[in-house]
């Protein structure tokens, strides 16, 4: 992932646009991490309808990797706060309105 965010050499409009996007990604996401997951299912037809299948139909390897990814995320994320108060669901809804 980091390699794909390296600025490319050249001065064409296309290269400049892509480099701008790379700089923005680096700016908005100073801490980055990435992981590869196995395909959730083997069957291509089922893969196109993931939202319709039950979790039990996922490959065990995928389920295991997802659980590990969730653990990793929950260790890193911080609770959102506003004016030194943690934001709960009701407050978030109020902010959205």
PDB file of N, CA and C in Angstrom:
ATOM      1  N   UNK A   1       0.829  -1.180   0.000  1.00  0.00           N
ATOM      2  CA  UNK A   1       0.000   0.000   0.000  1.00  0.00           C
ATOM      3  C   UNK A   1       0.878   1.249   0.000  1.00  0.00           C
ATOM      4  N   UNK A   2       1.907   1.263   0.833  1.00  0.00           N
ATOM      5  CA  UNK A   2       2.773   2.440   0.895  1.00  0.00           C
ATOM      6  C   UNK A   2       3.438   2.702  -0.446  1.00  0.00           C
ATOM      7  N   UNK A   3       3.805   1.654  -1.147  1.00  0.00           N
ATOM      8  CA  UNK A   3       4.414   1.829  -2.471  1.00  0.00           C
ATOM      9  C   UNK A   3       3.457   2.517  -3.433  1.00  0.00           C
ATOM     10  N   UNK A   4       2.192   2.185  -3.347  1.00  0.00           N
ATOM     11  CA  UNK A   4       1.223   2.789  -4.267  1.00  0.00           C
ATOM     12  C   UNK A   4       0.955   4.254  -3.937  1.00  0.00           C
ATOM     13  N   UNK A   5       1.351   4.701  -2.738  1.00  0.00           N
ATOM     14  CA  UNK A   5       1.164   6.099  -2.354  1.00  0.00           C
ATOM     15  C   UNK A   5       2.397   6.957  -2.639  1.00  0.00           C
ATOM     16  N   UNK A   6       3.451   6.346  -3.144  1.00  0.00           N
ATOM     17  CA  UNK A   6       4.641   7.117  -3.514  1.00  0.00           C
ATOM     18  C   UNK A   6       4.319   7.998  -4.723  1.00  0.00           C
ATOM     19  N   UNK A   7       4.810   9.234  -4.695  1.00  0.00           N
ATOM     20  CA  UNK A   7       4.561  10.155  -5.794  1.00  0.00           C
ATOM     21  C   UNK A   7       5.266   9.675  -7.055  1.00  0.00           C
ATOM     22  N   UNK A   8       4.580   9.801  -8.173  1.00  0.00           N
ATOM     23  CA  UNK A   8       5.127   9.383  -9.454  1.00  0.00           C
ATOM     24  C   UNK A   8       5.837  10.565 -10.122  1.00  0.00           C
ATOM     25  N   UNK A   9       6.862  10.256 -10.899  1.00  0.00           N
ATOM     26  CA  UNK A   9       7.598  11.305 -11.610  1.00  0.00           C
ATOM     27  C   UNK A   9       6.862  11.657 -12.891  1.00  0.00           C
ATOM     28  N   UNK A  10       6.958  12.906 -13.272  1.00  0.00           N
ATOM     29  CA  UNK A  10       6.329  13.368 -14.506  1.00  0.00           C
ATOM     30  C   UNK A  10       5.548  14.642 -14.256  1.00  0.00           C
ATOM     31  N   UNK A  11       5.128  15.263 -15.333  1.00  0.00           N
ATOM     32  CA  UNK A  11       4.438  16.556 -15.213  1.00  0.00           C
ATOM     33  C   UNK A  11       3.110  16.595 -15.964  1.00  0.00           C
ATOM     34  N   UNK A  12       2.639  15.462 -16.435  1.00  0.00           N
ATOM     35  CA  UNK A  12       1.365  15.481 -17.167  1.00  0.00           C
ATOM     36  C   UNK A  12       0.209  15.743 -16.207  1.00  0.00           C
ATOM     37  N   UNK A  13      -0.909  16.173 -16.744  1.00  0.00           N
ATOM     38  CA  UNK A  13      -2.094  16.432 -15.916  1.00  0.00           C
ATOM     39  C   UNK A  13      -2.547  15.178 -15.182  1.00  0.00           C
ATOM     40  N   UNK A  14      -2.462  14.049 -15.856  1.00  0.00           N
ATOM     41  CA  UNK A  14      -2.891  12.787 -15.242  1.00  0.00           C
ATOM     42  C   UNK A  14      -2.017  12.448 -14.044  1.00  0.00           C
ATOM     43  N   UNK A  15      -0.707  12.576 -14.210  1.00  0.00           N
ATOM     44  CA  UNK A  15       0.213  12.271 -13.114  1.00  0.00           C
ATOM     45  C   UNK A  15       0.009  13.254 -11.966  1.00  0.00           C
ATOM     46  N   UNK A  16      -0.153  14.525 -12.280  1.00  0.00           N
ATOM     47  CA  UNK A  16      -0.374  15.541 -11.251  1.00  0.00           C
ATOM     48  C   UNK A  16      -1.648  15.252 -10.451  1.00  0.00           C
ATOM     49  N   UNK A  17      -2.709  14.862 -11.133  1.00  0.00           N
ATOM     50  CA  UNK A  17      -3.967  14.540 -10.465  1.00  0.00           C
ATOM     51  C   UNK A  17      -3.797  13.342  -9.546  1.00  0.00           C
ATOM     52  N   UNK A  18      -3.149  12.300 -10.037  1.00  0.00           N
ATOM     53  CA  UNK A  18      -2.938  11.107  -9.220  1.00  0.00           C
ATOM     54  C   UNK A  18      -2.041  11.400  -8.022  1.00  0.00           C
ATOM     55  N   UNK A  19      -1.009  12.224  -8.221  1.00  0.00           N
ATOM     56  CA  UNK A  19      -0.136  12.585  -7.105  1.00  0.00           C
ATOM     57  C   UNK A  19      -0.872  13.439  -6.073  1.00  0.00           C
ATOM     58  N   UNK A  20      -1.787  14.276  -6.545  1.00  0.00           N
ATOM     59  CA  UNK A  20      -2.595  15.065  -5.612  1.00  0.00           C
ATOM     60  C   UNK A  20      -3.431  14.141  -4.728  1.00  0.00           C
ATOM     61  N   UNK A  21      -4.028  13.138  -5.338  1.00  0.00           N
ATOM     62  CA  UNK A  21      -4.829  12.173  -4.587  1.00  0.00           C
ATOM     63  C   UNK A  21      -3.944  11.438  -3.583  1.00  0.00           C
ATOM     64  N   UNK A  22      -2.744  11.046  -3.996  1.00  0.00           N
ATOM     65  CA  UNK A  22      -1.810  10.368  -3.088  1.00  0.00           C
ATOM     66  C   UNK A  22      -1.474  11.263  -1.887  1.00  0.00           C
ATOM     67  N   UNK A  23      -1.201  12.546  -2.150  1.00  0.00           N
ATOM     68  CA  UNK A  23      -0.874  13.464  -1.054  1.00  0.00           C
ATOM     69  C   UNK A  23      -2.054  13.625  -0.102  1.00  0.00           C
ATOM     70  N   UNK A  24      -3.260  13.718  -0.662  1.00  0.00           N
ATOM     71  CA  UNK A  24      -4.448  13.864   0.185  1.00  0.00           C
ATOM     72  C   UNK A  24      -4.671  12.638   1.057  1.00  0.00           C
ATOM     73  N   UNK A  25      -4.500  11.463   0.496  1.00  0.00           N
ATOM     74  CA  UNK A  25      -4.660  10.238   1.288  1.00  0.00           C
ATOM     75  C   UNK A  25      -3.661  10.233   2.433  1.00  0.00           C
ATOM     76  N   UNK A  26      -2.401  10.587   2.128  1.00  0.00           N
ATOM     77  CA  UNK A  26      -1.376  10.628   3.178  1.00  0.00           C
ATOM     78  C   UNK A  26      -1.711  11.674   4.241  1.00  0.00           C
ATOM     79  N   UNK A  27      -2.268  12.820   3.813  1.00  0.00           N
ATOM     80  CA  UNK A  27      -2.602  13.884   4.756  1.00  0.00           C
ATOM     81  C   UNK A  27      -3.781  13.494   5.657  1.00  0.00           C
ATOM     82  N   UNK A  28      -4.849  12.966   5.052  1.00  0.00           N
ATOM     83  CA  UNK A  28      -6.040  12.634   5.828  1.00  0.00           C
ATOM     84  C   UNK A  28      -5.892  11.349   6.640  1.00  0.00           C
ATOM     85  N   UNK A  29      -4.988  10.480   6.211  1.00  0.00           N
ATOM     86  CA  UNK A  29      -4.775   9.216   6.909  1.00  0.00           C
ATOM     87  C   UNK A  29      -3.288   9.054   7.233  1.00  0.00           C
ATOM     88  N   UNK A  30      -2.797   9.824   8.229  1.00  0.00           N
ATOM     89  CA  UNK A  30      -1.369   9.753   8.546  1.00  0.00           C
ATOM     90  C   UNK A  30      -0.958   8.383   9.101  1.00  0.00           C
ATOM     91  N   UNK A  31      -1.867   7.725   9.773  1.00  0.00           N
ATOM     92  CA  UNK A  31      -1.608   6.364  10.257  1.00  0.00           C
ATOM     93  C   UNK A  31      -2.381   5.409   9.364  1.00  0.00           C
ATOM     94  N   UNK A  32      -1.633   4.552   8.682  1.00  0.00           N
ATOM     95  CA  UNK A  32      -2.267   3.613   7.752  1.00  0.00           C
ATOM     96  C   UNK A  32      -1.821   2.204   8.069  1.00  0.00           C
ATOM     97  N   UNK A  33      -2.713   1.290   7.799  1.00  0.00           N
ATOM     98  CA  UNK A  33      -2.400  -0.125   7.944  1.00  0.00           C
ATOM     99  C   UNK A  33      -3.266  -0.863   6.944  1.00  0.00           C
ATOM    100  N   UNK A  34      -2.822  -1.993   6.528  1.00  0.00           N
ATOM    101  CA  UNK A  34      -3.613  -2.735   5.564  1.00  0.00           C
ATOM    102  C   UNK A  34      -3.402  -4.222   5.792  1.00  0.00           C
ATOM    103  N   UNK A  35      -4.404  -4.988   5.484  1.00  0.00           N
ATOM    104  CA  UNK A  35      -4.280  -6.446   5.614  1.00  0.00           C
ATOM    105  C   UNK A  35      -5.064  -7.095   4.478  1.00  0.00           C
ATOM    106  N   UNK A  36      -4.610  -8.254   4.092  1.00  0.00           N
ATOM    107  CA  UNK A  36      -5.280  -9.005   3.027  1.00  0.00           C
ATOM    108  C   UNK A  36      -6.122 -10.102   3.664  1.00  0.00           C
ATOM    109  N   UNK A  37      -7.310 -10.271   3.150  1.00  0.00           N
ATOM    110  CA  UNK A  37      -8.214 -11.311   3.630  1.00  0.00           C
ATOM    111  C   UNK A  37      -8.475 -12.302   2.508  1.00  0.00           C
ATOM    112  N   UNK A  38      -8.688 -13.549   2.889  1.00  0.00           N
ATOM    113  CA  UNK A  38      -9.078 -14.538   1.881  1.00  0.00           C
ATOM    114  C   UNK A  38     -10.489 -14.211   1.410  1.00  0.00           C
ATOM    115  N   UNK A  39     -10.858 -14.744   0.273  1.00  0.00           N
ATOM    116  CA  UNK A  39     -12.225 -14.534  -0.219  1.00  0.00           C
ATOM    117  C   UNK A  39     -13.208 -15.121   0.785  1.00  0.00           C
ATOM    118  N   UNK A  40     -14.289 -14.409   1.048  1.00  0.00           N
ATOM    119  CA  UNK A  40     -15.260 -14.895   2.041  1.00  0.00           C
ATOM    120  C   UNK A  40     -15.923 -16.212   1.647  1.00  0.00           C
ATOM    121  N   UNK A  41     -16.116 -16.412   0.342  1.00  0.00           N
ATOM    122  CA  UNK A  41     -16.710 -17.644  -0.173  1.00  0.00           C
ATOM    123  C   UNK A  41     -15.972 -18.031  -1.454  1.00  0.00           C
ATOM    124  N   UNK A  42     -16.053 -19.292  -1.823  1.00  0.00           N
ATOM    125  CA  UNK A  42     -15.382 -19.756  -3.037  1.00  0.00           C
ATOM    126  C   UNK A  42     -16.221 -19.501  -4.291  1.00  0.00           C
ATOM    127  N   UNK A  43     -17.511 -19.719  -4.167  1.00  0.00           N
ATOM    128  CA  UNK A  43     -18.418 -19.639  -5.310  1.00  0.00           C
ATOM    129  C   UNK A  43     -18.616 -18.191  -5.767  1.00  0.00           C
ATOM    130  N   UNK A  44     -18.321 -17.926  -7.034  1.00  0.00           N
ATOM    131  CA  UNK A  44     -18.417 -16.575  -7.597  1.00  0.00           C
ATOM    132  C   UNK A  44     -19.855 -16.039  -7.542  1.00  0.00           C
ATOM    133  N   UNK A  45     -20.842 -16.882  -7.764  1.00  0.00           N
ATOM    134  CA  UNK A  45     -22.244 -16.441  -7.738  1.00  0.00           C
ATOM    135  C   UNK A  45     -22.643 -15.988  -6.336  1.00  0.00           C
ATOM    136  N   UNK A  46     -22.187 -16.713  -5.331  1.00  0.00           N
ATOM    137  CA  UNK A  46     -22.489 -16.348  -3.942  1.00  0.00           C
ATOM    138  C   UNK A  46     -21.722 -15.083  -3.561  1.00  0.00           C
ATOM    139  N   UNK A  47     -20.507 -14.954  -4.070  1.00  0.00           N
ATOM    140  CA  UNK A  47     -19.677 -13.784  -3.778  1.00  0.00           C
ATOM    141  C   UNK A  47     -20.383 -12.497  -4.198  1.00  0.00           C
ATOM    142  N   UNK A  48     -21.149 -12.549  -5.259  1.00  0.00           N
ATOM    143  CA  UNK A  48     -21.876 -11.373  -5.740  1.00  0.00           C
ATOM    144  C   UNK A  48     -23.072 -11.019  -4.868  1.00  0.00           C
ATOM    145  N   UNK A  49     -23.456 -11.924  -3.971  1.00  0.00           N
ATOM    146  CA  UNK A  49     -24.630 -11.699  -3.124  1.00  0.00           C
ATOM    147  C   UNK A  49     -24.278 -11.841  -1.644  1.00  0.00           C
ATOM    148  N   UNK A  50     -23.114 -11.356  -1.234  1.00  0.00           N
ATOM    149  CA  UNK A  50     -22.661 -11.517   0.147  1.00  0.00           C
ATOM    150  C   UNK A  50     -23.646 -10.971   1.168  1.00  0.00           C
ATOM    151  N   UNK A  51     -24.299  -9.875   0.839  1.00  0.00           N
ATOM    152  CA  UNK A  51     -25.227  -9.266   1.787  1.00  0.00           C
ATOM    153  C   UNK A  51     -26.436 -10.157   2.063  1.00  0.00           C
ATOM    154  N   UNK A  52     -26.655 -11.164   1.239  1.00  0.00           N
ATOM    155  CA  UNK A  52     -27.829 -12.025   1.394  1.00  0.00           C
ATOM    156  C   UNK A  52     -27.527 -13.339   2.108  1.00  0.00           C
ATOM    157  N   UNK A  53     -26.258 -13.627   2.378  1.00  0.00           N
ATOM    158  CA  UNK A  53     -25.950 -14.922   2.994  1.00  0.00           C
ATOM    159  C   UNK A  53     -25.711 -14.766   4.495  1.00  0.00           C
ATOM    160  N   UNK A  54     -25.882 -15.870   5.211  1.00  0.00           N
ATOM    161  CA  UNK A  54     -25.647 -15.886   6.652  1.00  0.00           C
ATOM    162  C   UNK A  54     -24.151 -15.990   6.936  1.00  0.00           C
ATOM    163  N   UNK A  55     -23.745 -15.487   8.085  1.00  0.00           N
ATOM    164  CA  UNK A  55     -22.328 -15.519   8.469  1.00  0.00           C
ATOM    165  C   UNK A  55     -21.764 -16.942   8.482  1.00  0.00           C
ATOM    166  N   UNK A  56     -22.594 -17.912   8.774  1.00  0.00           N
ATOM    167  CA  UNK A  56     -22.141 -19.303   8.848  1.00  0.00           C
ATOM    168  C   UNK A  56     -21.679 -19.839   7.489  1.00  0.00           C
ATOM    169  N   UNK A  57     -22.081 -19.176   6.427  1.00  0.00           N
ATOM    170  CA  UNK A  57     -21.703 -19.619   5.089  1.00  0.00           C
ATOM    171  C   UNK A  57     -20.332 -19.104   4.651  1.00  0.00           C
ATOM    172  N   UNK A  58     -19.742 -18.191   5.422  1.00  0.00           N
ATOM    173  CA  UNK A  58     -18.406 -17.705   5.099  1.00  0.00           C
ATOM    174  C   UNK A  58     -17.369 -18.791   5.361  1.00  0.00           C
ATOM    175  N   UNK A  59     -16.282 -18.746   4.632  1.00  0.00           N
ATOM    176  CA  UNK A  59     -15.179 -19.672   4.866  1.00  0.00           C
ATOM    177  C   UNK A  59     -14.646 -19.460   6.280  1.00  0.00           C
ATOM    178  N   UNK A  60     -14.303 -20.532   6.982  1.00  0.00           N
ATOM    179  CA  UNK A  60     -13.779 -20.390   8.353  1.00  0.00           C
ATOM    180  C   UNK A  60     -12.527 -19.503   8.411  1.00  0.00           C
ATOM    181  N   UNK A  61     -11.670 -19.591   7.390  1.00  0.00           N
ATOM    182  CA  UNK A  61     -10.461 -18.760   7.369  1.00  0.00           C
ATOM    183  C   UNK A  61     -10.819 -17.277   7.342  1.00  0.00           C
ATOM    184  N   UNK A  62     -11.844 -16.940   6.546  1.00  0.00           N
ATOM    185  CA  UNK A  62     -12.287 -15.556   6.439  1.00  0.00           C
ATOM    186  C   UNK A  62     -12.849 -15.080   7.771  1.00  0.00           C
ATOM    187  N   UNK A  63     -13.686 -15.885   8.384  1.00  0.00           N
ATOM    188  CA  UNK A  63     -14.286 -15.532   9.669  1.00  0.00           C
ATOM    189  C   UNK A  63     -13.209 -15.288  10.719  1.00  0.00           C
ATOM    190  N   UNK A  64     -12.212 -16.155  10.761  1.00  0.00           N
ATOM    191  CA  UNK A  64     -11.110 -16.019  11.708  1.00  0.00           C
ATOM    192  C   UNK A  64     -10.339 -14.715  11.450  1.00  0.00           C
ATOM    193  N   UNK A  65     -10.050 -14.432  10.183  1.00  0.00           N
ATOM    194  CA  UNK A  65      -9.324 -13.208   9.840  1.00  0.00           C
ATOM    195  C   UNK A  65     -10.137 -11.957  10.195  1.00  0.00           C
ATOM    196  N   UNK A  66     -11.433 -12.013   9.974  1.00  0.00           N
ATOM    197  CA  UNK A  66     -12.289 -10.869  10.306  1.00  0.00           C
ATOM    198  C   UNK A  66     -12.318 -10.625  11.815  1.00  0.00           C
ATOM    199  N   UNK A  67     -12.383 -11.689  12.603  1.00  0.00           N
ATOM    200  CA  UNK A  67     -12.374 -11.524  14.058  1.00  0.00           C
ATOM    201  C   UNK A  67     -11.062 -10.893  14.515  1.00  0.00           C
ATOM    202  N   UNK A  68      -9.963 -11.331  13.936  1.00  0.00           N
ATOM    203  CA  UNK A  68      -8.662 -10.740  14.282  1.00  0.00           C
ATOM    204  C   UNK A  68      -8.588  -9.273  13.873  1.00  0.00           C
ATOM    205  N   UNK A  69      -9.132  -8.963  12.705  1.00  0.00           N
ATOM    206  CA  UNK A  69      -9.144  -7.575  12.237  1.00  0.00           C
ATOM    207  C   UNK A  69      -9.990  -6.698  13.162  1.00  0.00           C
ATOM    208  N   UNK A  70     -11.130  -7.184  13.579  1.00  0.00           N
ATOM    209  CA  UNK A  70     -11.976  -6.425  14.505  1.00  0.00           C
ATOM    210  C   UNK A  70     -11.250  -6.163  15.813  1.00  0.00           C
ATOM    211  N   UNK A  71     -10.582  -7.184  16.343  1.00  0.00           N
ATOM    212  CA  UNK A  71      -9.822  -7.010  17.587  1.00  0.00           C
ATOM    213  C   UNK A  71      -8.759  -5.934  17.412  1.00  0.00           C
ATOM    214  N   UNK A  72      -8.065  -5.989  16.299  1.00  0.00           N
ATOM    215  CA  UNK A  72      -7.013  -5.014  16.016  1.00  0.00           C
ATOM    216  C   UNK A  72      -7.592  -3.599  15.939  1.00  0.00           C
ATOM    217  N   UNK A  73      -8.729  -3.455  15.260  1.00  0.00           N
ATOM    218  CA  UNK A  73      -9.368  -2.144  15.133  1.00  0.00           C
ATOM    219  C   UNK A  73      -9.821  -1.603  16.486  1.00  0.00           C
ATOM    220  N   UNK A  74     -10.449  -2.451  17.281  1.00  0.00           N
ATOM    221  CA  UNK A  74     -10.962  -1.990  18.565  1.00  0.00           C
ATOM    222  C   UNK A  74      -9.838  -1.623  19.524  1.00  0.00           C
ATOM    223  N   UNK A  75      -8.656  -2.197  19.342  1.00  0.00           N
ATOM    224  CA  UNK A  75      -7.513  -1.814  20.168  1.00  0.00           C
ATOM    225  C   UNK A  75      -7.004  -0.431  19.781  1.00  0.00           C
ATOM    226  N   UNK A  76      -7.140  -0.074  18.505  1.00  0.00           N
ATOM    227  CA  UNK A  76      -6.568   1.176  18.012  1.00  0.00           C
ATOM    228  C   UNK A  76      -7.520   2.366  18.046  1.00  0.00           C
ATOM    229  N   UNK A  77      -8.812   2.122  17.894  1.00  0.00           N
ATOM    230  CA  UNK A  77      -9.730   3.259  17.794  1.00  0.00           C
ATOM    231  C   UNK A  77      -9.947   3.901  19.156  1.00  0.00           C
ATOM    232  N   UNK A  78     -10.206   5.194  19.117  1.00  0.00           N
ATOM    233  CA  UNK A  78     -10.466   5.954  20.334  1.00  0.00           C
ATOM    234  C   UNK A  78     -11.903   6.443  20.282  1.00  0.00           C
ATOM    235  N   UNK A  79     -12.518   6.493  21.451  1.00  0.00           N
ATOM    236  CA  UNK A  79     -13.889   6.993  21.531  1.00  0.00           C
ATOM    237  C   UNK A  79     -13.916   8.456  21.117  1.00  0.00           C
ATOM    238  N   UNK A  80     -14.917   8.837  20.343  1.00  0.00           N
ATOM    239  CA  UNK A  80     -15.069  10.228  19.910  1.00  0.00           C
ATOM    240  C   UNK A  80     -15.589  11.058  21.072  1.00  0.00           C
ATOM    241  N   UNK A  81     -15.078  12.273  21.178  1.00  0.00           N
ATOM    242  CA  UNK A  81     -15.547  13.155  22.246  1.00  0.00           C
ATOM    243  C   UNK A  81     -15.796  14.546  21.690  1.00  0.00           C
ATOM    244  N   UNK A  82     -16.639  15.268  22.384  1.00  0.00           N
ATOM    245  CA  UNK A  82     -16.984  16.638  22.027  1.00  0.00           C
ATOM    246  C   UNK A  82     -17.096  17.417  23.327  1.00  0.00           C
ATOM    247  N   UNK A  83     -16.321  18.479  23.465  1.00  0.00           N
ATOM    248  CA  UNK A  83     -16.295  19.257  24.715  1.00  0.00           C
ATOM    249  C   UNK A  83     -16.004  18.359  25.917  1.00  0.00           C
ATOM    250  N   UNK A  84     -15.039  17.492  25.765  1.00  0.00           N
ATOM    251  CA  UNK A  84     -14.574  16.580  26.827  1.00  0.00           C
ATOM    252  C   UNK A  84     -15.636  15.573  27.269  1.00  0.00           C
ATOM    253  N   UNK A  85     -16.639  15.354  26.447  1.00  0.00           N
ATOM    254  CA  UNK A  85     -17.676  14.370  26.770  1.00  0.00           C
ATOM    255  C   UNK A  85     -17.728  13.354  25.634  1.00  0.00           C
ATOM    256  N   UNK A  86     -17.748  12.068  25.997  1.00  0.00           N
ATOM    257  CA  UNK A  86     -17.813  11.036  24.977  1.00  0.00           C
ATOM    258  C   UNK A  86     -19.124  11.132  24.207  1.00  0.00           C
ATOM    259  N   UNK A  87     -19.043  10.966  22.904  1.00  0.00           N
ATOM    260  CA  UNK A  87     -20.219  11.049  22.040  1.00  0.00           C
ATOM    261  C   UNK A  87     -20.913   9.689  22.013  1.00  0.00           C
ATOM    262  N   UNK A  88     -22.191   9.673  22.392  1.00  0.00           N
ATOM    263  CA  UNK A  88     -22.979   8.438  22.330  1.00  0.00           C
ATOM    264  C   UNK A  88     -23.894   8.508  21.103  1.00  0.00           C
ATOM    265  N   UNK A  89     -24.684   7.489  20.893  1.00  0.00           N
ATOM    266  CA  UNK A  89     -25.543   7.425  19.719  1.00  0.00           C
ATOM    267  C   UNK A  89     -26.532   8.582  19.634  1.00  0.00           C
ATOM    268  N   UNK A  90     -27.121   8.944  20.764  1.00  0.00           N
ATOM    269  CA  UNK A  90     -28.095  10.035  20.783  1.00  0.00           C
ATOM    270  C   UNK A  90     -27.431  11.365  20.421  1.00  0.00           C
ATOM    271  N   UNK A  91     -26.238  11.587  20.953  1.00  0.00           N
ATOM    272  CA  UNK A  91     -25.511  12.832  20.647  1.00  0.00           C
ATOM    273  C   UNK A  91     -25.122  12.857  19.162  1.00  0.00           C
ATOM    274  N   UNK A  92     -24.703  11.724  18.632  1.00  0.00           N
ATOM    275  CA  UNK A  92     -24.308  11.655  17.235  1.00  0.00           C
ATOM    276  C   UNK A  92     -25.504  11.980  16.331  1.00  0.00           C
ATOM    277  N   UNK A  93     -26.670  11.447  16.682  1.00  0.00           N
ATOM    278  CA  UNK A  93     -27.879  11.746  15.923  1.00  0.00           C
ATOM    279  C   UNK A  93     -28.179  13.246  15.979  1.00  0.00           C
ATOM    280  N   UNK A  94     -28.052  13.837  17.131  1.00  0.00           N
ATOM    281  CA  UNK A  94     -28.314  15.273  17.278  1.00  0.00           C
ATOM    282  C   UNK A  94     -27.341  16.095  16.441  1.00  0.00           C
ATOM    283  N   UNK A  95     -26.082  15.689  16.407  1.00  0.00           N
ATOM    284  CA  UNK A  95     -25.088  16.387  15.594  1.00  0.00           C
ATOM    285  C   UNK A  95     -25.394  16.261  14.105  1.00  0.00           C
ATOM    286  N   UNK A  96     -25.960  15.128  13.717  1.00  0.00           N
ATOM    287  CA  UNK A  96     -26.261  14.882  12.306  1.00  0.00           C
ATOM    288  C   UNK A  96     -27.461  15.690  11.814  1.00  0.00           C
ATOM    289  N   UNK A  97     -28.332  16.052  12.711  1.00  0.00           N
ATOM    290  CA  UNK A  97     -29.549  16.798  12.315  1.00  0.00           C
ATOM    291  C   UNK A  97     -29.290  18.219  12.118  1.00  0.00           C
TER     292      UNK A  97
END
